């Protein structure tokens, strides 16, 4: 697939997907939706890729759904033909089909991916743009990043599972604050809430995000990262007993893996690891 609204590149076992409508603060369109899904599927299928970074070009990460799309819906009083693809109606999921159905829905499929997804939030992440970051595994923000839900100020509601995911990341009180007021918060407030993992100075932002991704790609077992992702997201639906039993089964499988043998060997031999993911 040729890409016109995103940039896609791979190097050093990292796939970087850049939303690329900078003149529109990377507002989301049906075309962008298709291209992001295709790029993620390409990264998932590539055995050499270990980590995925999602970021935006220019001053924005993603300013939400393109306003021309929202205008057409408001004018029609319903969803026009073709608009449902951008907004997520009846769209097939991308990712691990063995994952629980909760993580095979539109925009909630990032947790089903076998590889960690890092959101490098370089600017505005509002509405649908904020939702995209919630389903990433890690969120790093530049000081220029701004966050907002927007929905209540557009006559809309908490979309695409946001009412489920946001409280689990920042707690019910913070989630209701952001959803009801739809106010814009800056990166410092976002990190205090726990919405992002850390704020990184502008001049170091993408190099620092990439260094983190490189550390994962070089030093963490891809098999371990896949299983740990599954454990953490499945645990959101499990009791402590269920999570413990599942971890015991997973540990037995890990002890029989090639990556476990390599993990011990490289430590004892004081060399860099050569994990295969097996």
C-alpha atoms as a PDB file:
ATOM      1  CA  UNK A   1       0.000   0.000   0.000  1.00  0.00           C
ATOM      2  CA  UNK A   2       1.301   3.461  -0.875  1.00  0.00           C
ATOM      3  CA  UNK A   3       1.034   5.990   1.924  1.00  0.00           C
ATOM      4  CA  UNK A   4      -0.124   9.583   1.411  1.00  0.00           C
ATOM      5  CA  UNK A   5      -1.298  10.662   4.889  1.00  0.00           C
ATOM      6  CA  UNK A   6       1.309   8.903   7.000  1.00  0.00           C
ATOM      7  CA  UNK A   7       5.037   8.256   6.858  1.00  0.00           C
ATOM      8  CA  UNK A   8       6.306   4.751   7.585  1.00  0.00           C
ATOM      9  CA  UNK A   9       9.885   3.727   8.148  1.00  0.00           C
ATOM     10  CA  UNK A  10      11.770   0.917   9.836  1.00  0.00           C
ATOM     11  CA  UNK A  11      15.315   0.925  11.129  1.00  0.00           C
ATOM     12  CA  UNK A  12      17.189  -0.785  13.953  1.00  0.00           C
ATOM     13  CA  UNK A  13      14.171  -3.022  14.617  1.00  0.00           C
ATOM     14  CA  UNK A  14      11.887  -0.030  15.227  1.00  0.00           C
ATOM     15  CA  UNK A  15       8.882   0.840  13.027  1.00  0.00           C
ATOM     16  CA  UNK A  16       7.934   4.515  13.141  1.00  0.00           C
ATOM     17  CA  UNK A  17       4.486   5.616  11.958  1.00  0.00           C
ATOM     18  CA  UNK A  18       4.099   9.386  11.574  1.00  0.00           C
ATOM     19  CA  UNK A  19       0.669  10.908  11.012  1.00  0.00           C
ATOM     20  CA  UNK A  20       1.358  13.322   8.170  1.00  0.00           C
ATOM     21  CA  UNK A  21      -1.237  16.045   7.662  1.00  0.00           C
ATOM     22  CA  UNK A  22       0.733  18.753   9.497  1.00  0.00           C
ATOM     23  CA  UNK A  23      -1.289  21.610   8.003  1.00  0.00           C
ATOM     24  CA  UNK A  24      -4.382  20.102   9.712  1.00  0.00           C
ATOM     25  CA  UNK A  25      -2.617  19.104  12.963  1.00  0.00           C
ATOM     26  CA  UNK A  26      -2.888  15.528  11.624  1.00  0.00           C
ATOM     27  CA  UNK A  27      -6.683  15.457  11.889  1.00  0.00           C
ATOM     28  CA  UNK A  28      -7.984  11.925  11.357  1.00  0.00           C
ATOM     29  CA  UNK A  29      -9.519  10.834   8.046  1.00  0.00           C
ATOM     30  CA  UNK A  30     -10.714   7.564   6.556  1.00  0.00           C
ATOM     31  CA  UNK A  31      -7.559   7.460   4.440  1.00  0.00           C
ATOM     32  CA  UNK A  32      -5.322   7.963   7.478  1.00  0.00           C
ATOM     33  CA  UNK A  33      -7.203   5.243   9.342  1.00  0.00           C
ATOM     34  CA  UNK A  34      -6.586   2.744   6.531  1.00  0.00           C
ATOM     35  CA  UNK A  35      -2.943   3.694   6.215  1.00  0.00           C
ATOM     36  CA  UNK A  36      -2.227   3.413   9.955  1.00  0.00           C
ATOM     37  CA  UNK A  37      -3.844  -0.042  10.024  1.00  0.00           C
ATOM     38  CA  UNK A  38      -1.841  -1.149   7.000  1.00  0.00           C
ATOM     39  CA  UNK A  39       1.414   0.140   8.498  1.00  0.00           C
ATOM     40  CA  UNK A  40       0.733  -1.579  11.820  1.00  0.00           C
ATOM     41  CA  UNK A  41      -0.070  -4.840  10.030  1.00  0.00           C
ATOM     42  CA  UNK A  42       3.207  -4.480   8.116  1.00  0.00           C
ATOM     43  CA  UNK A  43       5.158  -3.908  11.353  1.00  0.00           C
ATOM     44  CA  UNK A  44       3.427  -6.844  13.056  1.00  0.00           C
ATOM     45  CA  UNK A  45       4.261  -9.167  10.175  1.00  0.00           C
ATOM     46  CA  UNK A  46       7.927  -8.161  10.103  1.00  0.00           C
ATOM     47  CA  UNK A  47       9.904 -10.549  12.308  1.00  0.00           C
ATOM     48  CA  UNK A  48      12.741  -8.025  12.544  1.00  0.00           C
ATOM     49  CA  UNK A  49      10.546  -5.274  14.005  1.00  0.00           C
ATOM     50  CA  UNK A  50      10.467  -5.294  17.800  1.00  0.00           C
ATOM     51  CA  UNK A  51       8.878  -1.920  18.718  1.00  0.00           C
ATOM     52  CA  UNK A  52       6.376   0.479  17.096  1.00  0.00           C
ATOM     53  CA  UNK A  53       6.429   4.267  17.585  1.00  0.00           C
ATOM     54  CA  UNK A  54       3.362   6.351  16.692  1.00  0.00           C
ATOM     55  CA  UNK A  55       3.852  10.113  16.385  1.00  0.00           C
ATOM     56  CA  UNK A  56       2.721  13.161  14.421  1.00  0.00           C
ATOM     57  CA  UNK A  57       4.316  15.563  11.955  1.00  0.00           C
ATOM     58  CA  UNK A  58       4.608  19.261  12.679  1.00  0.00           C
ATOM     59  CA  UNK A  59       2.954  20.889  15.703  1.00  0.00           C
ATOM     60  CA  UNK A  60       0.308  18.236  16.374  1.00  0.00           C
ATOM     61  CA  UNK A  61       0.010  14.590  17.270  1.00  0.00           C
ATOM     62  CA  UNK A  62      -3.635  14.301  16.156  1.00  0.00           C
ATOM     63  CA  UNK A  63      -6.258  17.006  16.616  1.00  0.00           C
ATOM     64  CA  UNK A  64      -9.130  14.504  16.386  1.00  0.00           C
ATOM     65  CA  UNK A  65     -11.485  13.669  13.549  1.00  0.00           C
ATOM     66  CA  UNK A  66     -11.264  15.982  10.558  1.00  0.00           C
ATOM     67  CA  UNK A  67     -13.841  18.741  11.022  1.00  0.00           C
ATOM     68  CA  UNK A  68     -15.087  18.402   7.439  1.00  0.00           C
ATOM     69  CA  UNK A  69     -16.179  14.861   8.341  1.00  0.00           C
ATOM     70  CA  UNK A  70     -17.948  16.062  11.487  1.00  0.00           C
ATOM     71  CA  UNK A  71     -19.637  18.854   9.506  1.00  0.00           C
ATOM     72  CA  UNK A  72     -20.976  16.372   6.956  1.00  0.00           C
ATOM     73  CA  UNK A  73     -22.390  14.200   9.736  1.00  0.00           C
ATOM     74  CA  UNK A  74     -23.956  17.172  11.540  1.00  0.00           C
ATOM     75  CA  UNK A  75     -25.496  18.421   8.289  1.00  0.00           C
ATOM     76  CA  UNK A  76     -26.906  15.039   7.345  1.00  0.00           C
ATOM     77  CA  UNK A  77     -28.109  14.201  10.837  1.00  0.00           C
ATOM     78  CA  UNK A  78     -26.636  10.705  10.382  1.00  0.00           C
ATOM     79  CA  UNK A  79     -23.418   9.045   9.320  1.00  0.00           C
ATOM     80  CA  UNK A  80     -22.925   9.483   5.555  1.00  0.00           C
ATOM     81  CA  UNK A  81     -21.928   6.482   3.466  1.00  0.00           C
ATOM     82  CA  UNK A  82     -18.180   5.943   3.754  1.00  0.00           C
ATOM     83  CA  UNK A  83     -17.765   7.994   6.931  1.00  0.00           C
ATOM     84  CA  UNK A  84     -18.249   4.975   9.160  1.00  0.00           C
ATOM     85  CA  UNK A  85     -14.854   3.624   8.154  1.00  0.00           C
ATOM     86  CA  UNK A  86     -13.091   6.649   9.633  1.00  0.00           C
ATOM     87  CA  UNK A  87     -15.258   6.661  12.733  1.00  0.00           C
ATOM     88  CA  UNK A  88     -14.966   2.967  13.379  1.00  0.00           C
ATOM     89  CA  UNK A  89     -18.298   1.400  12.531  1.00  0.00           C
ATOM     90  CA  UNK A  90     -18.113  -2.279  11.585  1.00  0.00           C
ATOM     91  CA  UNK A  91     -14.395  -2.040  10.855  1.00  0.00           C
ATOM     92  CA  UNK A  92     -12.324  -5.220  11.134  1.00  0.00           C
ATOM     93  CA  UNK A  93      -9.676  -5.315  13.805  1.00  0.00           C
ATOM     94  CA  UNK A  94      -5.955  -5.532  13.192  1.00  0.00           C
ATOM     95  CA  UNK A  95      -3.673  -7.518  15.440  1.00  0.00           C
ATOM     96  CA  UNK A  96      -3.640 -10.815  17.282  1.00  0.00           C
ATOM     97  CA  UNK A  97      -6.898 -12.629  16.533  1.00  0.00           C
ATOM     98  CA  UNK A  98      -6.260 -14.796  19.603  1.00  0.00           C
ATOM     99  CA  UNK A  99      -6.570 -11.741  21.846  1.00  0.00           C
ATOM    100  CA  UNK A 100      -9.751 -11.177  23.826  1.00  0.00           C
ATOM    101  CA  UNK A 101     -12.548  -9.517  21.776  1.00  0.00           C
ATOM    102  CA  UNK A 102     -12.294  -6.336  23.883  1.00  0.00           C
ATOM    103  CA  UNK A 103      -8.952  -5.643  22.215  1.00  0.00           C
ATOM    104  CA  UNK A 104     -10.048  -6.373  18.661  1.00  0.00           C
ATOM    105  CA  UNK A 105     -12.322  -3.373  18.252  1.00  0.00           C
ATOM    106  CA  UNK A 106     -11.736  -0.138  16.365  1.00  0.00           C
ATOM    107  CA  UNK A 107      -8.926   1.799  18.099  1.00  0.00           C
ATOM    108  CA  UNK A 108      -8.775  -0.715  20.979  1.00  0.00           C
ATOM    109  CA  UNK A 109      -6.684  -3.147  18.926  1.00  0.00           C
ATOM    110  CA  UNK A 110      -3.267  -1.794  19.945  1.00  0.00           C
ATOM    111  CA  UNK A 111      -3.201  -3.962  23.121  1.00  0.00           C
ATOM    112  CA  UNK A 112      -3.707  -7.056  20.929  1.00  0.00           C
ATOM    113  CA  UNK A 113      -0.487  -6.365  19.017  1.00  0.00           C
ATOM    114  CA  UNK A 114       2.445  -8.610  19.854  1.00  0.00           C
ATOM    115  CA  UNK A 115       4.850  -5.653  19.949  1.00  0.00           C
ATOM    116  CA  UNK A 116       4.931  -2.649  22.304  1.00  0.00           C
ATOM    117  CA  UNK A 117       3.478   0.566  20.889  1.00  0.00           C
ATOM    118  CA  UNK A 118       4.907   3.883  22.089  1.00  0.00           C
ATOM    119  CA  UNK A 119       2.963   7.108  21.555  1.00  0.00           C
ATOM    120  CA  UNK A 120       5.413   9.982  21.006  1.00  0.00           C
ATOM    121  CA  UNK A 121       3.010  12.858  21.631  1.00  0.00           C
ATOM    122  CA  UNK A 122       4.633  15.899  20.064  1.00  0.00           C
ATOM    123  CA  UNK A 123       1.652  18.272  20.129  1.00  0.00           C
ATOM    124  CA  UNK A 124      -2.149  18.367  20.408  1.00  0.00           C
ATOM    125  CA  UNK A 125      -3.799  14.998  21.150  1.00  0.00           C
ATOM    126  CA  UNK A 126      -7.490  15.835  21.302  1.00  0.00           C
ATOM    127  CA  UNK A 127     -10.680  13.799  20.926  1.00  0.00           C
ATOM    128  CA  UNK A 128      -9.942  10.818  18.725  1.00  0.00           C
ATOM    129  CA  UNK A 129      -6.274  11.772  18.882  1.00  0.00           C
ATOM    130  CA  UNK A 130      -6.328  11.308  22.654  1.00  0.00           C
ATOM    131  CA  UNK A 131      -8.115   7.964  22.281  1.00  0.00           C
ATOM    132  CA  UNK A 132      -5.301   6.704  20.040  1.00  0.00           C
ATOM    133  CA  UNK A 133      -2.767   7.436  22.793  1.00  0.00           C
ATOM    134  CA  UNK A 134      -4.832   5.660  25.463  1.00  0.00           C
ATOM    135  CA  UNK A 135      -4.527   2.334  23.660  1.00  0.00           C
ATOM    136  CA  UNK A 136      -0.764   2.664  23.184  1.00  0.00           C
ATOM    137  CA  UNK A 137       1.348   0.840  25.764  1.00  0.00           C
ATOM    138  CA  UNK A 138       3.498   3.841  26.710  1.00  0.00           C
ATOM    139  CA  UNK A 139       2.979   7.585  26.307  1.00  0.00           C
ATOM    140  CA  UNK A 140       5.837  10.080  26.146  1.00  0.00           C
ATOM    141  CA  UNK A 141       5.015  13.764  25.699  1.00  0.00           C
ATOM    142  CA  UNK A 142       6.907  16.848  24.628  1.00  0.00           C
ATOM    143  CA  UNK A 143       6.356  20.065  26.640  1.00  0.00           C
ATOM    144  CA  UNK A 144       4.270  21.320  23.695  1.00  0.00           C
ATOM    145  CA  UNK A 145       1.741  18.485  23.994  1.00  0.00           C
ATOM    146  CA  UNK A 146      -1.864  19.362  24.842  1.00  0.00           C
ATOM    147  CA  UNK A 147      -4.612  16.920  25.775  1.00  0.00           C
ATOM    148  CA  UNK A 148      -8.408  17.133  25.744  1.00  0.00           C
ATOM    149  CA  UNK A 149     -11.439  14.925  25.239  1.00  0.00           C
ATOM    150  CA  UNK A 150     -13.478  17.544  23.279  1.00  0.00           C
ATOM    151  CA  UNK A 151     -16.628  15.389  23.113  1.00  0.00           C
ATOM    152  CA  UNK A 152     -18.856  17.213  25.592  1.00  0.00           C
ATOM    153  CA  UNK A 153     -18.169  20.479  23.745  1.00  0.00           C
ATOM    154  CA  UNK A 154     -19.272  18.918  20.439  1.00  0.00           C
ATOM    155  CA  UNK A 155     -22.517  17.415  21.746  1.00  0.00           C
ATOM    156  CA  UNK A 156     -20.920  13.970  21.739  1.00  0.00           C
ATOM    157  CA  UNK A 157     -20.085  11.330  24.352  1.00  0.00           C
ATOM    158  CA  UNK A 158     -17.026   9.351  25.513  1.00  0.00           C
ATOM    159  CA  UNK A 159     -16.282   7.388  22.360  1.00  0.00           C
ATOM    160  CA  UNK A 160     -14.630   4.063  21.469  1.00  0.00           C
ATOM    161  CA  UNK A 161     -14.242   2.666  24.966  1.00  0.00           C
ATOM    162  CA  UNK A 162     -12.703   5.830  26.408  1.00  0.00           C
ATOM    163  CA  UNK A 163     -15.078   5.705  29.399  1.00  0.00           C
ATOM    164  CA  UNK A 164     -13.586   2.294  30.228  1.00  0.00           C
ATOM    165  CA  UNK A 165      -9.905   2.937  29.452  1.00  0.00           C
ATOM    166  CA  UNK A 166      -9.370   6.480  30.746  1.00  0.00           C
ATOM    167  CA  UNK A 167     -10.400   5.784  34.395  1.00  0.00           C
ATOM    168  CA  UNK A 168      -8.092   2.759  34.433  1.00  0.00           C
ATOM    169  CA  UNK A 169      -5.169   4.982  33.515  1.00  0.00           C
ATOM    170  CA  UNK A 170      -5.839   8.081  35.611  1.00  0.00           C
ATOM    171  CA  UNK A 171      -8.679   7.189  38.017  1.00  0.00           C
ATOM    172  CA  UNK A 172     -12.389   8.033  37.956  1.00  0.00           C
ATOM    173  CA  UNK A 173     -12.112  11.555  39.365  1.00  0.00           C
ATOM    174  CA  UNK A 174      -9.543  12.709  36.805  1.00  0.00           C
ATOM    175  CA  UNK A 175     -11.393  10.907  34.001  1.00  0.00           C
ATOM    176  CA  UNK A 176     -14.706  12.581  34.830  1.00  0.00           C
ATOM    177  CA  UNK A 177     -12.955  15.940  35.064  1.00  0.00           C
ATOM    178  CA  UNK A 178     -11.514  15.618  31.577  1.00  0.00           C
ATOM    179  CA  UNK A 179     -14.653  14.100  30.054  1.00  0.00           C
ATOM    180  CA  UNK A 180     -17.249  16.454  31.554  1.00  0.00           C
ATOM    181  CA  UNK A 181     -15.296  19.694  31.185  1.00  0.00           C
ATOM    182  CA  UNK A 182     -13.510  18.770  27.940  1.00  0.00           C
ATOM    183  CA  UNK A 183     -10.862  21.263  29.055  1.00  0.00           C
ATOM    184  CA  UNK A 184      -7.394  21.257  27.548  1.00  0.00           C
ATOM    185  CA  UNK A 185      -4.531  20.258  29.825  1.00  0.00           C
ATOM    186  CA  UNK A 186      -0.806  20.633  29.270  1.00  0.00           C
ATOM    187  CA  UNK A 187       1.925  18.005  29.462  1.00  0.00           C
ATOM    188  CA  UNK A 188       2.844  18.786  33.078  1.00  0.00           C
ATOM    189  CA  UNK A 189      -0.721  18.214  34.286  1.00  0.00           C
ATOM    190  CA  UNK A 190      -0.962  15.086  32.115  1.00  0.00           C
ATOM    191  CA  UNK A 191       2.107  13.539  33.760  1.00  0.00           C
ATOM    192  CA  UNK A 192       0.819  14.426  37.242  1.00  0.00           C
ATOM    193  CA  UNK A 193      -2.448  12.631  36.437  1.00  0.00           C
ATOM    194  CA  UNK A 194      -0.584   9.602  35.103  1.00  0.00           C
ATOM    195  CA  UNK A 195      -1.911  10.150  31.595  1.00  0.00           C
ATOM    196  CA  UNK A 196       1.642  10.111  30.205  1.00  0.00           C
ATOM    197  CA  UNK A 197       4.733   8.294  31.451  1.00  0.00           C
ATOM    198  CA  UNK A 198       7.067  11.246  31.204  1.00  0.00           C
ATOM    199  CA  UNK A 199       7.627  14.665  29.638  1.00  0.00           C
ATOM    200  CA  UNK A 200      10.800  15.038  27.585  1.00  0.00           C
ATOM    201  CA  UNK A 201      12.324  18.412  26.560  1.00  0.00           C
ATOM    202  CA  UNK A 202      11.691  19.407  22.944  1.00  0.00           C
ATOM    203  CA  UNK A 203      15.305  19.311  21.843  1.00  0.00           C
ATOM    204  CA  UNK A 204      15.668  15.749  23.140  1.00  0.00           C
ATOM    205  CA  UNK A 205      12.164  14.488  22.444  1.00  0.00           C
ATOM    206  CA  UNK A 206      12.298  12.110  19.475  1.00  0.00           C
ATOM    207  CA  UNK A 207      15.937  11.056  20.099  1.00  0.00           C
ATOM    208  CA  UNK A 208      15.005  10.153  23.690  1.00  0.00           C
ATOM    209  CA  UNK A 209      11.888   8.241  22.603  1.00  0.00           C
ATOM    210  CA  UNK A 210      13.963   6.385  20.062  1.00  0.00           C
ATOM    211  CA  UNK A 211      16.659   5.566  22.641  1.00  0.00           C
ATOM    212  CA  UNK A 212      13.988   4.036  24.862  1.00  0.00           C
ATOM    213  CA  UNK A 213      12.610   2.020  21.925  1.00  0.00           C
ATOM    214  CA  UNK A 214      16.138   0.915  20.988  1.00  0.00           C
ATOM    215  CA  UNK A 215      16.751  -0.312  24.520  1.00  0.00           C
ATOM    216  CA  UNK A 216      13.637  -2.487  24.270  1.00  0.00           C
ATOM    217  CA  UNK A 217      14.543  -3.697  20.784  1.00  0.00           C
ATOM    218  CA  UNK A 218      18.106  -4.605  21.743  1.00  0.00           C
ATOM    219  CA  UNK A 219      17.859  -5.804  25.329  1.00  0.00           C
ATOM    220  CA  UNK A 220      14.354  -7.176  25.971  1.00  0.00           C
ATOM    221  CA  UNK A 221      13.165 -10.569  24.766  1.00  0.00           C
ATOM    222  CA  UNK A 222      10.435 -10.054  22.132  1.00  0.00           C
ATOM    223  CA  UNK A 223       8.755 -13.181  23.426  1.00  0.00           C
ATOM    224  CA  UNK A 224       8.755 -11.779  26.961  1.00  0.00           C
ATOM    225  CA  UNK A 225       7.357  -8.425  25.796  1.00  0.00           C
ATOM    226  CA  UNK A 226       4.514 -10.151  23.949  1.00  0.00           C
ATOM    227  CA  UNK A 227       3.558 -12.318  26.923  1.00  0.00           C
ATOM    228  CA  UNK A 228       3.886  -9.454  29.430  1.00  0.00           C
ATOM    229  CA  UNK A 229       1.572  -7.287  27.306  1.00  0.00           C
ATOM    230  CA  UNK A 230      -1.004 -10.078  27.268  1.00  0.00           C
ATOM    231  CA  UNK A 231      -0.664 -10.545  31.030  1.00  0.00           C
ATOM    232  CA  UNK A 232      -1.120  -6.867  31.864  1.00  0.00           C
ATOM    233  CA  UNK A 233      -4.136  -6.323  29.612  1.00  0.00           C
ATOM    234  CA  UNK A 234      -5.810  -9.634  30.501  1.00  0.00           C
ATOM    235  CA  UNK A 235      -5.316  -8.862  34.195  1.00  0.00           C
ATOM    236  CA  UNK A 236      -7.705  -5.919  33.783  1.00  0.00           C
ATOM    237  CA  UNK A 237     -10.468  -8.549  33.560  1.00  0.00           C
ATOM    238  CA  UNK A 238      -9.081 -11.111  36.028  1.00  0.00           C
ATOM    239  CA  UNK A 239      -9.096 -11.735  39.759  1.00  0.00           C
ATOM    240  CA  UNK A 240      -5.729 -11.955  41.517  1.00  0.00           C
ATOM    241  CA  UNK A 241      -6.133 -15.746  41.647  1.00  0.00           C
ATOM    242  CA  UNK A 242      -6.791 -15.946  37.906  1.00  0.00           C
ATOM    243  CA  UNK A 243      -3.825 -13.684  37.115  1.00  0.00           C
ATOM    244  CA  UNK A 244      -1.565 -15.726  39.383  1.00  0.00           C
ATOM    245  CA  UNK A 245      -2.588 -19.044  37.831  1.00  0.00           C
ATOM    246  CA  UNK A 246      -2.112 -17.629  34.335  1.00  0.00           C
ATOM    247  CA  UNK A 247       1.356 -16.362  35.280  1.00  0.00           C
ATOM    248  CA  UNK A 248       2.351 -19.775  36.587  1.00  0.00           C
ATOM    249  CA  UNK A 249       1.444 -21.388  33.267  1.00  0.00           C
ATOM    250  CA  UNK A 250       3.233 -18.634  31.352  1.00  0.00           C
ATOM    251  CA  UNK A 251       6.355 -19.029  33.496  1.00  0.00           C
ATOM    252  CA  UNK A 252       6.572 -22.761  32.757  1.00  0.00           C
ATOM    253  CA  UNK A 253       6.396 -21.999  29.045  1.00  0.00           C
ATOM    254  CA  UNK A 254       9.041 -19.289  29.427  1.00  0.00           C
ATOM    255  CA  UNK A 255      11.438 -21.650  31.182  1.00  0.00           C
ATOM    256  CA  UNK A 256      11.294 -23.931  28.125  1.00  0.00           C
ATOM    257  CA  UNK A 257      11.907 -21.098  25.637  1.00  0.00           C
ATOM    258  CA  UNK A 258      15.058 -20.277  23.686  1.00  0.00           C
ATOM    259  CA  UNK A 259      14.899 -16.676  24.903  1.00  0.00           C
ATOM    260  CA  UNK A 260      15.163 -17.836  28.525  1.00  0.00           C
ATOM    261  CA  UNK A 261      18.306 -19.822  27.705  1.00  0.00           C
ATOM    262  CA  UNK A 262      19.745 -16.810  25.893  1.00  0.00           C
ATOM    263  CA  UNK A 263      18.738 -14.505  28.745  1.00  0.00           C
ATOM    264  CA  UNK A 264      20.810 -16.549  31.196  1.00  0.00           C
ATOM    265  CA  UNK A 265      23.697 -17.103  28.777  1.00  0.00           C
ATOM    266  CA  UNK A 266      24.238 -13.456  27.803  1.00  0.00           C
ATOM    267  CA  UNK A 267      24.130 -12.386  31.454  1.00  0.00           C
ATOM    268  CA  UNK A 268      26.711 -14.958  32.522  1.00  0.00           C
ATOM    269  CA  UNK A 269      28.888 -14.294  29.473  1.00  0.00           C
ATOM    270  CA  UNK A 270      28.639 -10.514  29.957  1.00  0.00           C
ATOM    271  CA  UNK A 271      27.634  -9.818  26.355  1.00  0.00           C
ATOM    272  CA  UNK A 272      24.711  -8.278  24.530  1.00  0.00           C
ATOM    273  CA  UNK A 273      21.694 -10.559  24.110  1.00  0.00           C
ATOM    274  CA  UNK A 274      20.716 -12.207  20.857  1.00  0.00           C
ATOM    275  CA  UNK A 275      17.037 -12.914  21.453  1.00  0.00           C
ATOM    276  CA  UNK A 276      15.078 -14.649  18.711  1.00  0.00           C
ATOM    277  CA  UNK A 277      11.580 -14.409  20.152  1.00  0.00           C
ATOM    278  CA  UNK A 278      11.328 -18.175  20.391  1.00  0.00           C
END
